Amino acid sequence: MVYNYFTEVNMVTLDALKNVRFVVDATGKQAAVQVSMEDWRKILDYFEELEDRVSIKSLLHRLKLGPEKSGALDWQETRGQW
């Protein structure tokens, strides 16, 4: 079986959303959402994972070009700058 981190993060996030509590105003209308700090961190992790995937997807075409055509830097030449 192939490990899929995104699916795991997604499932954890869905579980976190089951624990959401709604704050209602004086008329009974839902006005806000409340989550535990643990669930909030899980939700943030999920969004960070999505952001990473978007970044990778936007750069994938360059990676497929190969190092020379993509403009990649040679590690031996640049390592002293890090």
Protein backbone atom coordinates (compact mmCIF):
# COMPACT_ATOMS: atom_id res chain seq x y z
CA MET A 1 0.00 0.00 0.00
CA VAL A 2 1.30 3.45 -0.91
CA TYR A 3 1.42 5.95 1.95
CA ASN A 4 -0.54 9.08 1.11
CA TYR A 5 0.19 11.89 3.55
CA PHE A 6 -2.38 14.19 1.95
CA THR A 7 -5.19 11.68 2.45
CA GLU A 8 -4.16 11.22 6.08
CA VAL A 9 -4.05 14.98 6.69
CA ASN A 10 -7.38 15.37 4.92
CA MET A 11 -9.02 12.69 7.09
CA VAL A 12 -7.61 14.22 10.28
CA THR A 13 -8.94 17.60 9.21
CA LEU A 14 -12.37 16.19 8.49
CA ASP A 15 -12.36 14.66 11.97
CA ALA A 16 -11.37 18.04 13.41
CA LEU A 17 -14.32 19.67 11.67
CA LYS A 18 -16.70 17.27 13.42
CA ASN A 19 -15.80 19.04 16.67
CA VAL A 20 -16.67 22.55 15.49
CA ARG A 21 -18.99 24.48 17.77
CA PHE A 22 -21.15 27.31 16.52
CA VAL A 23 -21.70 30.50 18.49
CA VAL A 24 -25.14 31.99 17.97
CA ASP A 25 -26.26 35.57 18.36
CA ALA A 26 -29.28 36.79 20.30
CA THR A 27 -31.60 35.79 17.46
CA GLY A 28 -30.23 32.26 17.28
CA LYS A 29 -28.36 32.87 14.03
CA GLN A 30 -24.92 31.26 13.72
CA ALA A 31 -22.44 34.09 14.17
CA ALA A 32 -19.06 32.44 14.76
CA VAL A 33 -17.23 29.14 14.89
CA GLN A 34 -15.24 27.78 17.80
CA VAL A 35 -12.68 24.97 17.62
CA SER A 36 -10.18 23.59 20.10
CA MET A 37 -6.53 24.60 19.73
CA GLU A 38 -5.67 21.00 18.80
CA ASP A 39 -8.24 21.00 16.01
CA TRP A 40 -7.13 24.47 14.90
CA ARG A 41 -3.56 23.20 14.50
CA LYS A 42 -4.84 20.26 12.43
CA ILE A 43 -6.75 22.65 10.18
CA LEU A 44 -3.65 24.86 9.79
CA ASP A 45 -1.58 21.78 8.91
CA TYR A 46 -4.13 20.93 6.24
CA PHE A 47 -3.92 24.40 4.68
CA GLU A 48 -0.12 24.33 4.77
CA GLU A 49 -0.19 20.99 2.96
CA LEU A 50 -2.52 22.45 0.33
CA GLU A 51 -0.21 25.44 -0.08
CA ASP A 52 2.78 23.12 -0.55
CA ARG A 53 0.92 21.13 -3.19
CA VAL A 54 0.03 24.31 -5.10
CA SER A 55 3.69 25.41 -5.01
CA ILE A 56 4.91 22.05 -6.27
CA LYS A 57 2.28 21.91 -8.99
CA SER A 58 3.22 25.38 -10.22
CA LEU A 59 6.89 24.36 -10.49
CA LEU A 60 6.39 20.85 -11.87
CA HIS A 61 6.74 21.96 -15.48
CA ARG A 62 10.21 23.38 -14.69
CA LEU A 63 11.27 20.18 -12.95
CA LYS A 64 10.28 18.15 -16.00
CA LEU A 65 12.58 20.27 -18.18
CA GLY A 66 15.63 19.02 -16.31
CA PRO A 67 18.32 20.93 -14.44
CA GLU A 68 19.89 22.82 -17.33
CA LYS A 69 16.73 23.97 -19.10
CA SER A 70 14.91 24.79 -15.86
CA GLY A 71 17.58 27.22 -14.71
CA ALA A 72 18.52 25.16 -11.66
CA LEU A 73 21.63 26.22 -9.81
CA ASP A 74 24.58 23.90 -9.38
CA TRP A 75 24.89 23.02 -5.70
CA GLN A 76 28.69 22.87 -5.83
CA GLU A 77 28.80 26.45 -7.13
CA THR A 78 26.20 27.91 -4.75
CA ARG A 79 26.62 25.95 -1.51
CA GLY A 80 28.88 28.63 -0.02
CA GLN A 81 26.06 31.18 -0.33
CA TRP A 82 23.81 29.19 2.01
